[in-house]
Amino acid sequence: MPYLAVHGGTALLDPEEILNRLDLKPDMRVADFGSGGVGHFTFSMSRRVGKGGVVYAVDIVQENLKAIKSRSVTENANNIVTVWSNLEKLGAATEIPIASLDVGLLVNVLFQNRRYDVILAESARLLKAGGKLLICDWRPGGSPIGPAEEWRVSEDDIERAARASNLVLLQNFSAGPYHYGLVFAKS
């Protein structure tokens, strides 16, 4: 898959600003689906849900999970649980109880997968009724950085797939110069 790598952490997406779209509170159970190896969103959520909350860092790449686990020990973020899972398989994230999550995130994940409908269904399966799913992904229309145009997924395609998984659109927003953001609730 053609992709222009952009290093620099939060230069393109500001986790704090994006997470402000959600009403994250202490003691919540949340998941960062496709957390990556740095865990910008994972660690931001960890601070917001506090010691009584749980943050699942979910990824298919074992090295990413090892890096997050190591950082969580260094930063004393004891509320982070790493979960190896292939989100393209419904029912794969068995370490997370069904209908237990208050919030899930899919940030820069859907463009990497052609089975984004299954990823949305798996995310919805793990959300409790009324739970929210926040999605940020690359805006179609080209840009000087990011994935090739043919890999980008439109907001309309995401909304259609989300409706099929009983997710209702609450808001859409600009998540930065090259990304859109969508917040859904499980009905």
C-alpha atoms as a PDB file:
ATOM      1  CA  MET A   1       0.000   0.000   0.000  1.00  0.00           C
ATOM      2  CA  PRO A   2       1.536   3.329  -1.000  1.00  0.00           C
ATOM      3  CA  TYR A   3       1.852   5.605   2.025  1.00  0.00           C
ATOM      4  CA  LEU A   4       3.949   8.636   2.802  1.00  0.00           C
ATOM      5  CA  ALA A   5       5.243   8.238   6.322  1.00  0.00           C
ATOM      6  CA  VAL A   6       5.001  11.325   8.455  1.00  0.00           C
ATOM      7  CA  HIS A   7       7.004  11.341  11.641  1.00  0.00           C
ATOM      8  CA  GLY A   8       6.535  13.835  14.386  1.00  0.00           C
ATOM      9  CA  GLY A   9       3.930  12.413  16.723  1.00  0.00           C
ATOM     10  CA  THR A  10       1.058  14.810  17.146  1.00  0.00           C
ATOM     11  CA  ALA A  11       1.935  17.199  14.321  1.00  0.00           C
ATOM     12  CA  LEU A  12      -1.084  16.163  12.240  1.00  0.00           C
ATOM     13  CA  LEU A  13      -3.562  15.056  14.895  1.00  0.00           C
ATOM     14  CA  ASP A  14      -3.836  16.530  18.369  1.00  0.00           C
ATOM     15  CA  PRO A  15      -5.020  13.749  20.715  1.00  0.00           C
ATOM     16  CA  GLU A  16      -6.118  16.176  23.436  1.00  0.00           C
ATOM     17  CA  GLU A  17      -8.206  18.289  21.076  1.00  0.00           C
ATOM     18  CA  ILE A  18      -9.774  15.241  19.438  1.00  0.00           C
ATOM     19  CA  LEU A  19     -10.503  13.532  22.758  1.00  0.00           C
ATOM     20  CA  ASN A  20     -12.257  16.709  23.917  1.00  0.00           C
ATOM     21  CA  ARG A  21     -15.019  15.646  21.507  1.00  0.00           C
ATOM     22  CA  LEU A  22     -15.816  12.850  23.961  1.00  0.00           C
ATOM     23  CA  ASP A  23     -16.967  13.111  27.532  1.00  0.00           C
ATOM     24  CA  LEU A  24     -14.224  10.915  28.981  1.00  0.00           C
ATOM     25  CA  LYS A  25     -14.548  10.534  32.731  1.00  0.00           C
ATOM     26  CA  PRO A  26     -12.732   8.698  35.498  1.00  0.00           C
ATOM     27  CA  ASP A  27     -13.459   4.963  35.747  1.00  0.00           C
ATOM     28  CA  MET A  28     -14.566   4.537  32.117  1.00  0.00           C
ATOM     29  CA  ARG A  29     -13.610   1.515  29.994  1.00  0.00           C
ATOM     30  CA  VAL A  30     -12.206   2.621  26.639  1.00  0.00           C
ATOM     31  CA  ALA A  31     -10.301   1.116  23.698  1.00  0.00           C
ATOM     32  CA  ASP A  32      -7.806   2.472  21.222  1.00  0.00           C
ATOM     33  CA  PHE A  33      -8.368   0.145  18.257  1.00  0.00           C
ATOM     34  CA  GLY A  34      -5.188   0.177  16.181  1.00  0.00           C
ATOM     35  CA  SER A  35      -3.177   1.877  18.893  1.00  0.00           C
ATOM     36  CA  GLY A  36       0.151   1.718  17.053  1.00  0.00           C
ATOM     37  CA  GLY A  37       3.466   1.602  18.842  1.00  0.00           C
ATOM     38  CA  VAL A  38       3.541   5.102  20.293  1.00  0.00           C
ATOM     39  CA  GLY A  39       0.034   5.192  21.739  1.00  0.00           C
ATOM     40  CA  HIS A  40      -0.596   8.934  21.567  1.00  0.00           C
ATOM     41  CA  PHE A  41      -4.325   8.395  22.101  1.00  0.00           C
ATOM     42  CA  THR A  42      -3.863   5.434  24.450  1.00  0.00           C
ATOM     43  CA  PHE A  43      -1.856   7.432  26.966  1.00  0.00           C
ATOM     44  CA  SER A  44      -4.059  10.524  26.673  1.00  0.00           C
ATOM     45  CA  MET A  45      -7.109   8.368  27.431  1.00  0.00           C
ATOM     46  CA  SER A  46      -5.237   6.674  30.282  1.00  0.00           C
ATOM     47  CA  ARG A  47      -4.781   9.997  32.048  1.00  0.00           C
ATOM     48  CA  ARG A  48      -8.435  10.945  31.519  1.00  0.00           C
ATOM     49  CA  VAL A  49     -10.025   7.724  32.813  1.00  0.00           C
ATOM     50  CA  GLY A  50      -7.643   7.542  35.751  1.00  0.00           C
ATOM     51  CA  LYS A  51      -6.591   4.652  37.940  1.00  0.00           C
ATOM     52  CA  GLY A  52     -10.128   3.268  38.180  1.00  0.00           C
ATOM     53  CA  GLY A  53     -10.571   3.178  34.410  1.00  0.00           C
ATOM     54  CA  VAL A  54      -9.330   0.690  31.836  1.00  0.00           C
ATOM     55  CA  VAL A  55      -7.742   1.478  28.483  1.00  0.00           C
ATOM     56  CA  TYR A  56      -7.401  -1.366  25.999  1.00  0.00           C
ATOM     57  CA  ALA A  57      -4.596  -0.759  23.493  1.00  0.00           C
ATOM     58  CA  VAL A  58      -5.569  -3.027  20.595  1.00  0.00           C
ATOM     59  CA  ASP A  59      -3.274  -3.772  17.676  1.00  0.00           C
ATOM     60  CA  ILE A  60      -2.398  -6.604  15.312  1.00  0.00           C
ATOM     61  CA  VAL A  61       1.344  -5.832  15.434  1.00  0.00           C
ATOM     62  CA  GLN A  62       2.941  -7.508  18.457  1.00  0.00           C
ATOM     63  CA  GLU A  63       5.894  -5.080  18.482  1.00  0.00           C
ATOM     64  CA  ASN A  64       3.491  -2.143  18.829  1.00  0.00           C
ATOM     65  CA  LEU A  65       1.901  -3.753  21.862  1.00  0.00           C
ATOM     66  CA  LYS A  66       5.295  -4.490  23.415  1.00  0.00           C
ATOM     67  CA  ALA A  67       6.274  -0.838  22.991  1.00  0.00           C
ATOM     68  CA  ILE A  68       3.049   0.355  24.629  1.00  0.00           C
ATOM     69  CA  LYS A  69       3.445  -2.148  27.458  1.00  0.00           C
ATOM     70  CA  SER A  70       7.010  -0.960  28.067  1.00  0.00           C
ATOM     71  CA  ARG A  71       5.976   2.698  28.049  1.00  0.00           C
ATOM     72  CA  SER A  72       3.029   1.983  30.360  1.00  0.00           C
ATOM     73  CA  VAL A  73       5.435   0.461  32.911  1.00  0.00           C
ATOM     74  CA  THR A  74       7.820   3.424  32.600  1.00  0.00           C
ATOM     75  CA  GLU A  75       4.984   5.939  32.995  1.00  0.00           C
ATOM     76  CA  ASN A  76       3.203   3.931  35.714  1.00  0.00           C
ATOM     77  CA  ALA A  77       0.064   3.797  33.549  1.00  0.00           C
ATOM     78  CA  ASN A  78      -1.307   0.684  35.226  1.00  0.00           C
ATOM     79  CA  ASN A  79      -4.747   1.048  33.655  1.00  0.00           C
ATOM     80  CA  ILE A  80      -3.536   0.107  30.135  1.00  0.00           C
ATOM     81  CA  VAL A  81      -4.154  -3.443  28.943  1.00  0.00           C
ATOM     82  CA  THR A  82      -2.612  -4.514  25.642  1.00  0.00           C
ATOM     83  CA  VAL A  83      -4.722  -6.751  23.405  1.00  0.00           C
ATOM     84  CA  TRP A  84      -3.487  -8.503  20.291  1.00  0.00           C
ATOM     85  CA  SER A  85      -6.350  -8.746  17.802  1.00  0.00           C
ATOM     86  CA  ASN A  86      -7.183  -8.716  14.119  1.00  0.00           C
ATOM     87  CA  LEU A  87     -10.119  -6.317  14.002  1.00  0.00           C
ATOM     88  CA  GLU A  88     -10.985  -7.563  10.519  1.00  0.00           C
ATOM     89  CA  LYS A  89     -12.372 -10.722  12.164  1.00  0.00           C
ATOM     90  CA  LEU A  90     -15.656 -10.364  14.001  1.00  0.00           C
ATOM     91  CA  GLY A  91     -15.269 -11.681  17.542  1.00  0.00           C
ATOM     92  CA  ALA A  92     -11.457 -11.536  17.498  1.00  0.00           C
ATOM     93  CA  ALA A  93     -11.011  -9.150  20.435  1.00  0.00           C
ATOM     94  CA  THR A  94     -12.100 -11.772  22.953  1.00  0.00           C
ATOM     95  CA  GLU A  95     -10.072 -10.253  25.812  1.00  0.00           C
ATOM     96  CA  ILE A  96     -12.498  -7.314  25.877  1.00  0.00           C
ATOM     97  CA  PRO A  97     -15.929  -8.243  27.270  1.00  0.00           C
ATOM     98  CA  ILE A  98     -18.817  -7.792  24.834  1.00  0.00           C
ATOM     99  CA  ALA A  99     -20.803  -4.567  25.314  1.00  0.00           C
ATOM    100  CA  SER A 100     -18.407  -3.297  27.985  1.00  0.00           C
ATOM    101  CA  LEU A 101     -16.806  -0.201  26.463  1.00  0.00           C
ATOM    102  CA  ASP A 102     -17.891   3.365  27.063  1.00  0.00           C
ATOM    103  CA  VAL A 103     -15.711   4.660  24.212  1.00  0.00           C
ATOM    104  CA  GLY A 104     -13.743   3.253  21.295  1.00  0.00           C
ATOM    105  CA  LEU A 105     -11.352   5.003  18.927  1.00  0.00           C
ATOM    106  CA  LEU A 106     -10.325   4.212  15.371  1.00  0.00           C
ATOM    107  CA  VAL A 107      -7.653   6.717  14.387  1.00  0.00           C
ATOM    108  CA  ASN A 108      -5.903   6.262  11.030  1.00  0.00           C
ATOM    109  CA  VAL A 109      -7.020   2.632  10.895  1.00  0.00           C
ATOM    110  CA  LEU A 110      -9.776   2.310   8.319  1.00  0.00           C
ATOM    111  CA  PHE A 111      -7.741   3.475   5.312  1.00  0.00           C
ATOM    112  CA  GLN A 112      -5.402   0.524   5.920  1.00  0.00           C
ATOM    113  CA  ASN A 113      -8.161  -2.069   5.596  1.00  0.00           C
ATOM    114  CA  ARG A 114     -10.596  -2.969   2.894  1.00  0.00           C
ATOM    115  CA  ARG A 115     -12.891  -4.676   5.437  1.00  0.00           C
ATOM    116  CA  TYR A 116     -13.701  -1.525   7.370  1.00  0.00           C
ATOM    117  CA  ASP A 117     -17.329  -2.698   7.670  1.00  0.00           C
ATOM    118  CA  VAL A 118     -16.142  -5.665   9.775  1.00  0.00           C
ATOM    119  CA  ILE A 119     -13.902  -3.389  11.853  1.00  0.00           C
ATOM    120  CA  LEU A 120     -16.888  -1.157  12.578  1.00  0.00           C
ATOM    121  CA  ALA A 121     -19.023  -4.195  13.463  1.00  0.00           C
ATOM    122  CA  GLU A 122     -16.315  -5.502  15.829  1.00  0.00           C
ATOM    123  CA  SER A 123     -15.965  -2.082  17.458  1.00  0.00           C
ATOM    124  CA  ALA A 124     -19.748  -1.784  17.866  1.00  0.00           C
ATOM    125  CA  ARG A 125     -19.940  -5.307  19.337  1.00  0.00           C
ATOM    126  CA  LEU A 126     -17.656  -4.205  22.164  1.00  0.00           C
ATOM    127  CA  LEU A 127     -19.458  -0.916  22.904  1.00  0.00           C
ATOM    128  CA  LYS A 128     -22.209  -0.800  25.499  1.00  0.00           C
ATOM    129  CA  ALA A 129     -25.561   0.724  24.502  1.00  0.00           C
ATOM    130  CA  GLY A 130     -24.992   4.458  24.242  1.00  0.00           C
ATOM    131  CA  GLY A 131     -21.219   3.949  23.987  1.00  0.00           C
ATOM    132  CA  LYS A 132     -19.373   6.198  21.555  1.00  0.00           C
ATOM    133  CA  LEU A 133     -17.022   5.410  18.700  1.00  0.00           C
ATOM    134  CA  LEU A 134     -14.749   8.183  17.436  1.00  0.00           C
ATOM    135  CA  ILE A 135     -13.205   7.767  13.993  1.00  0.00           C
ATOM    136  CA  CYS A 136     -10.487   9.938  12.455  1.00  0.00           C
ATOM    137  CA  ASP A 137      -9.136   9.115   9.051  1.00  0.00           C
ATOM    138  CA  TRP A 138      -7.545  10.663   5.997  1.00  0.00           C
ATOM    139  CA  ARG A 139      -9.790  12.984   4.007  1.00  0.00           C
ATOM    140  CA  PRO A 140     -10.312  11.969   0.365  1.00  0.00           C
ATOM    141  CA  GLY A 141      -9.334  14.504  -2.223  1.00  0.00           C
ATOM    142  CA  GLY A 142      -5.623  14.147  -2.084  1.00  0.00           C
ATOM    143  CA  SER A 143      -3.056  15.896  -0.003  1.00  0.00           C
ATOM    144  CA  PRO A 144       0.696  16.289  -0.127  1.00  0.00           C
ATOM    145  CA  ILE A 145       1.071  13.636   2.590  1.00  0.00           C
ATOM    146  CA  GLY A 146      -0.720  10.467   3.634  1.00  0.00           C
ATOM    147  CA  PRO A 147      -1.955   7.386   1.837  1.00  0.00           C
ATOM    148  CA  ALA A 148      -2.657   7.228  -1.859  1.00  0.00           C
ATOM    149  CA  GLU A 149      -6.123   8.414  -2.851  1.00  0.00           C
ATOM    150  CA  GLU A 150      -7.362   4.897  -3.647  1.00  0.00           C
ATOM    151  CA  TRP A 151      -6.768   3.850  -0.010  1.00  0.00           C
ATOM    152  CA  ARG A 152      -8.767   6.663   1.555  1.00  0.00           C
ATOM    153  CA  VAL A 153     -12.270   5.943   2.809  1.00  0.00           C
ATOM    154  CA  SER A 154     -14.985   8.573   2.442  1.00  0.00           C
ATOM    155  CA  GLU A 155     -17.134   9.775   5.310  1.00  0.00           C
ATOM    156  CA  ASP A 156     -20.228   8.589   3.399  1.00  0.00           C
ATOM    157  CA  ASP A 157     -18.844   5.036   3.148  1.00  0.00           C
ATOM    158  CA  ILE A 158     -18.045   5.037   6.871  1.00  0.00           C
ATOM    159  CA  GLU A 159     -21.513   6.341   7.748  1.00  0.00           C
ATOM    160  CA  ARG A 160     -23.196   3.612   5.658  1.00  0.00           C
ATOM    161  CA  ALA A 161     -21.121   0.861   7.272  1.00  0.00           C
ATOM    162  CA  ALA A 162     -21.685   2.355  10.730  1.00  0.00           C
ATOM    163  CA  ARG A 163     -25.486   2.383  10.265  1.00  0.00           C
ATOM    164  CA  ALA A 164     -25.322  -1.334   9.413  1.00  0.00           C
ATOM    165  CA  SER A 165     -23.666  -1.869  12.832  1.00  0.00           C
ATOM    166  CA  ASN A 166     -26.334   0.112  14.748  1.00  0.00           C
ATOM    167  CA  LEU A 167     -24.138   3.165  15.100  1.00  0.00           C
ATOM    168  CA  VAL A 168     -25.790   6.575  14.864  1.00  0.00           C
ATOM    169  CA  LEU A 169     -23.821   9.628  13.767  1.00  0.00           C
ATOM    170  CA  LEU A 170     -23.656  12.294  16.479  1.00  0.00           C
ATOM    171  CA  GLN A 171     -21.173  14.698  14.906  1.00  0.00           C
ATOM    172  CA  ASN A 172     -18.621  15.175  12.200  1.00  0.00           C
ATOM    173  CA  PHE A 173     -15.716  17.561  12.482  1.00  0.00           C
ATOM    174  CA  SER A 174     -12.408  18.543  10.968  1.00  0.00           C
ATOM    175  CA  ALA A 175      -9.701  16.650  12.859  1.00  0.00           C
ATOM    176  CA  GLY A 176      -6.863  18.571  11.285  1.00  0.00           C
ATOM    177  CA  PRO A 177      -5.750  19.781   7.876  1.00  0.00           C
ATOM    178  CA  TYR A 178      -5.885  16.299   6.302  1.00  0.00           C
ATOM    179  CA  HIS A 179      -8.307  14.318   8.470  1.00  0.00           C
ATOM    180  CA  TYR A 180     -12.030  14.138   9.151  1.00  0.00           C
ATOM    181  CA  GLY A 181     -13.565  13.089  12.421  1.00  0.00           C
ATOM    182  CA  LEU A 182     -16.824  11.294  13.132  1.00  0.00           C
ATOM    183  CA  VAL A 183     -18.443  10.448  16.462  1.00  0.00           C
ATOM    184  CA  PHE A 184     -21.057   7.695  16.585  1.00  0.00           C
ATOM    185  CA  ALA A 185     -23.167   6.270  19.394  1.00  0.00           C
ATOM    186  CA  LYS A 186     -24.335   2.678  19.635  1.00  0.00           C
ATOM    187  CA  SER A 187     -28.117   2.539  19.569  1.00  0.00           C
END
